[in-house]
Amino acid sequence: MKALLAEYAMFHDPLLAPEGKAMYGVIAGSLERCGYRVTSPEDGDFAEEIRRLAPGCDIGLVIAPDHLLAKYTAVMERLTHNIGCGSMNVAVCANKRQTGDILARHGIAVPPGDGPGKKVIKPLAGCGSIGVRVSGEVPGEGEFTQAYIEGEHLSVSLVGSRVVGNVCEFYSGDPPLVLAINRQEISIGPDGRFRYSGGETPVRGHPREREILDSAVRALQVLGCQGYCGIDIVLGDRAYVVDVNPRITTSITGIAACMEEEIADVLIAASKGTGPRCVHLTGSARFDDHGRVVRA
């Protein structure tokens, strides 16, 4: 069996390359342990490399920044079995203001766009905390404003299952598999810019665990995300969903270090609608913004 693992940043984005390399290593190692021979794009035109390699592979997965993910996933899913989120759902999530509007219409708490108090300016399409800042200035082109929410920074890692229809593949509607709640280390510098420094996983026994998970699960279901998905939450007076990442995130490095199951097995099974209902995590792990992991 052969798997195409197409990670964009290692060749094309020096700023994100360390995280990309770490995520690639986790997924590639798991695929190999599950019996797959892993192939990957070489340096060059990323889409053309996917077109060249995907037809000879049994499965494929793209790891790329949100604003590029839909384009490359669309190429992948036309040529082999995609074990990540579908390109249409990825395209919806890539616009962060649009994503927030959709969630709000379904009664899911998101930071409001106006009102008193401090404001956060965010790129409409971004990755991590890049370009996110507390500022009183007017948003620039390709940016928007949200209210600043004081609270605990968390994320929830989920896997949505898929069913295959006559025309397309889509989210099955079954409850997603919860992998872990993760704590995020996010600080704000003197210039007002957010900085992501990594985190720890899993967060066990949180007093508001049910509220956190309910918000994350509902967000995934509303957006129809399949495969691995990271839901970023700021826990204030409510559990506010501040970002939806329909792709592998850096948290996977810590989760995989603790998880008894193989993440590749989980993703492949979910892509066929047969994923497990739970996974088993032993101990805990801390990871930095480059995905380097220390087991606790």
Protein backbone atom coordinates (compact mmCIF):
# COMPACT_ATOMS: atom_id res chain seq x y z
CA MET A 1 0.00 0.00 0.00
CA LYS A 2 1.18 3.51 -0.82
CA ALA A 3 0.31 6.86 0.76
CA LEU A 4 0.92 10.37 -0.53
CA LEU A 5 1.64 12.80 2.30
CA ALA A 6 1.86 16.29 0.84
CA GLU A 7 3.20 18.80 3.38
CA TYR A 8 3.51 22.30 1.91
CA ALA A 9 5.55 24.35 4.38
CA MET A 10 8.74 22.28 4.42
CA PHE A 11 9.62 23.43 0.89
CA HIS A 12 7.56 26.58 0.47
CA ASP A 13 7.19 28.48 3.78
CA PRO A 14 10.35 28.87 5.90
CA LEU A 15 8.42 30.46 8.78
CA LEU A 16 6.10 27.46 9.14
CA ALA A 17 8.59 24.81 7.99
CA PRO A 18 9.59 23.56 11.49
CA GLU A 19 5.93 22.92 12.44
CA GLY A 20 5.31 21.36 9.03
CA LYS A 21 8.26 19.03 9.43
CA ALA A 22 7.08 17.94 12.89
CA MET A 23 3.52 17.23 11.70
CA TYR A 24 4.85 15.42 8.65
CA GLY A 25 7.08 13.25 10.83
CA VAL A 26 4.20 12.18 13.08
CA ILE A 27 1.85 11.25 10.24
CA ALA A 28 4.52 9.67 8.04
CA GLY A 29 5.81 7.52 10.90
CA SER A 30 2.31 6.36 11.77
CA LEU A 31 1.50 5.52 8.14
CA GLU A 32 4.67 3.47 7.88
CA ARG A 33 3.85 1.55 11.06
CA CYS A 34 0.43 0.83 9.55
CA GLY A 35 2.05 -0.79 6.52
CA TYR A 36 2.09 2.11 4.03
CA ARG A 37 5.00 3.21 1.90
CA VAL A 38 5.00 6.99 2.15
CA THR A 39 5.79 9.21 -0.81
CA SER A 40 5.91 13.01 -0.77
CA PRO A 41 6.19 15.91 -3.21
CA GLU A 42 9.66 17.11 -4.09
CA ASP A 43 10.64 20.76 -4.27
CA GLY A 44 8.85 22.43 -7.17
CA ASP A 45 5.26 23.13 -8.17
CA PHE A 46 3.26 21.65 -5.30
CA ALA A 47 0.04 21.04 -7.26
CA GLU A 48 1.92 19.41 -10.13
CA GLU A 49 3.73 17.14 -7.70
CA ILE A 50 0.40 16.02 -6.25
CA ARG A 51 -0.91 15.37 -9.78
CA ARG A 52 2.19 13.34 -10.55
CA LEU A 53 2.16 11.20 -7.42
CA ALA A 54 -1.47 10.81 -6.32
CA PRO A 55 -2.69 8.42 -9.06
CA GLY A 56 -0.18 5.82 -7.90
CA CYS A 57 -1.23 6.01 -4.25
CA ASP A 58 -4.01 4.32 -2.31
CA ILE A 59 -4.60 7.28 0.02
CA GLY A 60 -3.49 10.89 0.32
CA LEU A 61 -3.39 13.76 2.79
CA VAL A 62 -2.49 17.43 2.36
CA ILE A 63 -0.99 19.53 5.16
CA ALA A 64 -0.90 23.20 4.19
CA PRO A 65 -1.81 26.68 5.47
CA ASP A 66 -5.56 27.28 5.52
CA HIS A 67 -5.69 29.70 2.58
CA LEU A 68 -3.97 27.13 0.31
CA LEU A 69 -5.43 23.93 1.69
CA ALA A 70 -8.66 23.83 -0.33
CA LYS A 71 -6.85 24.24 -3.66
CA TYR A 72 -4.40 21.44 -3.05
CA THR A 73 -6.96 19.17 -1.40
CA ALA A 74 -9.19 19.53 -4.47
CA VAL A 75 -6.32 18.23 -6.60
CA MET A 76 -5.67 15.35 -4.20
CA GLU A 77 -9.27 14.16 -3.85
CA ARG A 78 -9.76 13.95 -7.62
CA LEU A 79 -6.86 11.53 -7.95
CA THR A 80 -6.84 9.33 -4.84
CA HIS A 81 -8.70 8.66 -1.58
CA ASN A 82 -8.37 11.76 0.61
CA ILE A 83 -8.16 11.04 4.36
CA GLY A 84 -8.37 14.71 5.32
CA CYS A 85 -11.22 17.19 5.24
CA GLY A 86 -13.01 17.68 1.94
CA SER A 87 -12.00 20.66 -0.18
CA MET A 88 -15.42 22.35 -0.11
CA ASN A 89 -15.53 22.36 3.70
CA VAL A 90 -11.91 23.53 3.85
CA ALA A 91 -12.77 26.43 1.53
CA VAL A 92 -15.56 27.56 3.86
CA CYS A 93 -13.32 27.43 6.93
CA ALA A 94 -10.49 29.31 5.18
CA ASN A 95 -12.44 32.57 5.52
CA LYS A 96 -12.36 33.15 9.26
CA ARG A 97 -15.00 35.88 9.33
CA GLN A 98 -17.34 33.74 7.24
CA THR A 99 -16.73 30.79 9.54
CA GLY A 100 -17.59 32.88 12.59
CA ASP A 101 -20.76 34.18 10.96
CA ILE A 102 -21.91 30.63 10.18
CA LEU A 103 -21.23 29.43 13.71
CA ALA A 104 -22.99 32.43 15.25
CA ARG A 105 -26.11 31.78 13.16
CA HIS A 106 -26.22 28.30 14.71
CA GLY A 107 -26.00 29.61 18.26
CA ILE A 108 -22.30 28.84 18.80
CA ALA A 109 -20.43 31.54 20.73
CA VAL A 110 -17.84 33.48 18.70
CA PRO A 111 -16.24 36.82 19.57
CA PRO A 112 -18.51 39.66 18.42
CA GLY A 113 -17.29 42.00 15.74
CA ASP A 114 -18.18 45.22 17.52
CA GLY A 115 -18.94 46.67 20.92
CA PRO A 116 -16.89 48.33 23.67
CA GLY A 117 -13.47 47.26 24.85
CA LYS A 118 -10.27 46.05 23.21
CA LYS A 119 -10.31 44.74 19.64
CA VAL A 120 -8.36 42.00 17.89
CA ILE A 121 -7.42 42.37 14.24
CA LYS A 122 -7.05 39.10 12.34
CA PRO A 123 -6.33 38.11 8.75
CA LEU A 124 -9.40 36.77 6.94
CA ALA A 125 -7.26 33.80 5.95
CA GLY A 126 -4.33 33.03 8.19
CA CYS A 127 -2.45 30.33 10.02
CA GLY A 128 -1.72 30.17 13.73
CA SER A 129 -1.30 33.55 15.37
CA ILE A 130 0.49 35.17 12.42
CA GLY A 131 -0.83 38.70 11.89
CA VAL A 132 -3.20 38.54 14.89
CA ARG A 133 -2.90 41.57 17.16
CA VAL A 134 -4.68 43.72 19.72
CA SER A 135 -5.03 47.12 18.12
CA GLY A 136 -7.27 50.15 17.87
CA GLU A 137 -6.36 50.72 14.24
CA VAL A 138 -8.64 50.15 11.27
CA PRO A 139 -8.28 46.65 9.76
CA GLY A 140 -6.28 46.59 6.56
CA GLU A 141 -7.11 44.83 3.32
CA GLY A 142 -7.78 41.16 3.95
CA GLU A 143 -8.34 41.69 7.69
CA PHE A 144 -11.28 41.94 10.07
CA THR A 145 -11.98 42.87 13.68
CA GLN A 146 -13.26 40.85 16.64
CA ALA A 147 -13.75 41.76 20.28
CA TYR A 148 -10.89 40.74 22.55
CA ILE A 149 -11.96 37.91 24.88
CA GLU A 150 -10.13 37.48 28.15
CA GLY A 151 -9.89 33.81 29.06
CA GLU A 152 -8.10 30.48 28.91
CA HIS A 153 -6.65 29.46 25.54
CA LEU A 154 -7.56 25.89 24.61
CA SER A 155 -8.03 23.75 21.53
CA VAL A 156 -9.95 20.55 20.90
CA SER A 157 -8.62 17.96 18.46
CA LEU A 158 -11.38 15.98 16.75
CA VAL A 159 -11.77 13.53 13.88
CA GLY A 160 -14.93 13.71 11.79
CA SER A 161 -16.06 10.65 9.86
CA ARG A 162 -17.07 10.56 6.20
CA VAL A 163 -19.53 8.69 4.04
CA VAL A 164 -19.23 8.30 0.28
CA GLY A 165 -22.26 9.28 -1.79
CA ASN A 166 -22.99 8.76 -5.46
CA VAL A 167 -21.49 12.10 -6.40
CA CYS A 168 -19.25 13.25 -3.56
CA GLU A 169 -17.92 12.48 -0.10
CA PHE A 170 -19.36 14.32 2.87
CA TYR A 171 -19.45 14.41 6.67
CA SER A 172 -21.40 11.44 7.99
CA GLY A 173 -23.24 13.37 10.70
CA ASP A 174 -22.07 10.91 13.35
CA PRO A 175 -20.57 12.38 16.54
CA PRO A 176 -16.89 13.08 15.87
CA LEU A 177 -14.13 11.29 17.71
CA VAL A 178 -12.62 13.50 20.42
CA LEU A 179 -8.87 12.99 20.61
CA ALA A 180 -7.99 15.55 23.31
CA ILE A 181 -8.46 18.95 24.84
CA ASN A 182 -5.16 20.83 24.55
CA ARG A 183 -3.90 23.87 26.43
CA GLN A 184 -2.35 26.56 24.23
CA GLU A 185 0.47 28.85 25.33
CA ILE A 186 -0.39 32.22 23.80
CA SER A 187 1.06 35.53 24.86
CA ILE A 188 0.65 39.13 23.69
CA GLY A 189 3.81 41.14 23.12
CA PRO A 190 4.38 44.86 23.81
CA ASP A 191 3.42 45.52 20.20
CA GLY A 192 0.03 43.86 20.76
CA ARG A 193 0.87 40.87 18.57
CA PHE A 194 -0.16 37.38 19.61
CA ARG A 195 2.53 34.72 19.87
CA TYR A 196 1.88 30.98 19.94
CA SER A 197 4.53 29.07 21.92
CA GLY A 198 3.14 25.52 21.87
CA GLY A 199 1.07 23.81 24.50
CA GLU A 200 0.32 20.66 26.46
CA THR A 201 -2.02 17.72 26.05
CA PRO A 202 -4.26 16.19 27.15
CA VAL A 203 -6.08 18.51 29.54
CA ARG A 204 -7.92 16.12 31.86
CA GLY A 205 -10.73 16.81 34.27
CA HIS A 206 -11.31 20.43 33.30
CA PRO A 207 -14.24 21.77 35.39
CA ARG A 208 -15.90 23.06 32.19
CA GLU A 209 -14.98 20.08 30.01
CA ARG A 210 -18.54 19.37 28.84
CA GLU A 211 -19.03 22.99 27.74
CA ILE A 212 -15.69 23.02 25.90
CA LEU A 213 -16.37 19.76 24.08
CA ASP A 214 -19.95 20.70 23.24
CA SER A 215 -18.81 23.92 21.53
CA ALA A 216 -16.09 22.13 19.57
CA VAL A 217 -18.28 19.23 18.47
CA ARG A 218 -21.10 21.51 17.39
CA ALA A 219 -18.67 23.68 15.40
CA LEU A 220 -17.33 20.66 13.53
CA GLN A 221 -20.83 19.38 12.82
CA VAL A 222 -22.14 22.74 11.59
CA LEU A 223 -19.18 23.13 9.22
CA GLY A 224 -19.24 19.48 8.12
CA CYS A 225 -15.52 18.92 8.70
CA GLN A 226 -14.10 15.47 8.08
CA GLY A 227 -10.77 14.05 9.13
CA TYR A 228 -8.58 15.72 11.74
CA CYS A 229 -9.79 19.14 12.84
CA GLY A 230 -8.52 21.54 15.50
CA ILE A 231 -11.04 23.90 17.12
CA ASP A 232 -9.45 26.84 18.98
CA ILE A 233 -11.41 28.12 21.98
CA VAL A 234 -11.02 31.00 24.40
CA LEU A 235 -12.81 30.06 27.60
CA GLY A 236 -14.22 33.20 29.18
CA ASP A 237 -17.77 33.72 30.36
CA ARG A 238 -18.62 31.32 27.51
CA ALA A 239 -16.62 28.90 25.39
CA TYR A 240 -15.86 31.13 22.38
CA VAL A 241 -14.77 29.40 19.16
CA VAL A 242 -12.04 31.66 17.75
CA ASP A 243 -10.71 29.49 14.92
CA VAL A 244 -11.48 26.28 13.06
CA ASN A 245 -8.57 24.43 11.45
CA PRO A 246 -9.80 21.61 9.17
CA ARG A 247 -6.36 20.04 8.96
CA ILE A 248 -3.55 18.51 10.99
CA THR A 249 -2.37 20.95 13.69
CA THR A 250 0.76 21.10 15.83
CA SER A 251 -1.14 19.55 18.75
CA ILE A 252 -0.95 16.21 16.94
CA THR A 253 2.70 15.92 17.93
CA GLY A 254 1.80 15.82 21.63
CA ILE A 255 -1.33 13.73 21.14
CA ALA A 256 0.50 11.06 19.13
CA ALA A 257 3.17 10.85 21.83
CA CYS A 258 0.46 9.90 24.35
CA MET A 259 -1.99 7.92 22.21
CA GLU A 260 -1.98 4.14 22.20
CA GLU A 261 -3.70 3.96 18.81
CA GLU A 262 -2.01 4.88 15.53
CA ILE A 263 -3.27 8.22 14.25
CA ALA A 264 -2.99 6.95 10.66
CA ASP A 265 -5.33 4.05 11.48
CA VAL A 266 -7.80 6.49 13.03
CA LEU A 267 -7.77 8.85 10.03
CA ILE A 268 -8.08 6.10 7.44
CA ALA A 269 -10.93 4.40 9.28
CA ALA A 270 -12.78 7.71 9.75
CA SER A 271 -12.41 8.48 6.04
CA LYS A 272 -14.40 5.30 5.37
CA GLY A 273 -17.00 5.95 8.08
CA THR A 274 -15.66 3.23 10.39
CA GLY A 275 -13.54 5.15 12.88
CA PRO A 276 -13.25 4.25 16.59
CA ARG A 277 -15.47 5.88 19.21
CA CYS A 278 -12.61 6.67 21.56
CA VAL A 279 -8.83 6.61 21.86
CA HIS A 280 -6.61 5.96 24.86
CA LEU A 281 -4.06 8.54 26.07
CA THR A 282 -1.37 7.69 28.60
CA GLY A 283 0.48 10.42 30.47
CA SER A 284 0.82 13.88 29.00
CA ALA A 285 3.12 15.83 26.72
CA ARG A 286 4.30 19.38 26.19
CA PHE A 287 5.20 20.68 22.74
CA ASP A 288 6.73 23.92 21.52
CA ASP A 289 5.80 26.00 18.50
CA HIS A 290 8.10 23.86 16.35
CA GLY A 291 6.34 20.68 17.40
CA ARG A 292 9.17 19.41 19.56
CA VAL A 293 7.71 17.18 22.27
CA VAL A 294 8.66 16.45 25.87
CA ARG A 295 6.70 13.70 27.61
CA ALA A 296 5.65 14.59 31.17
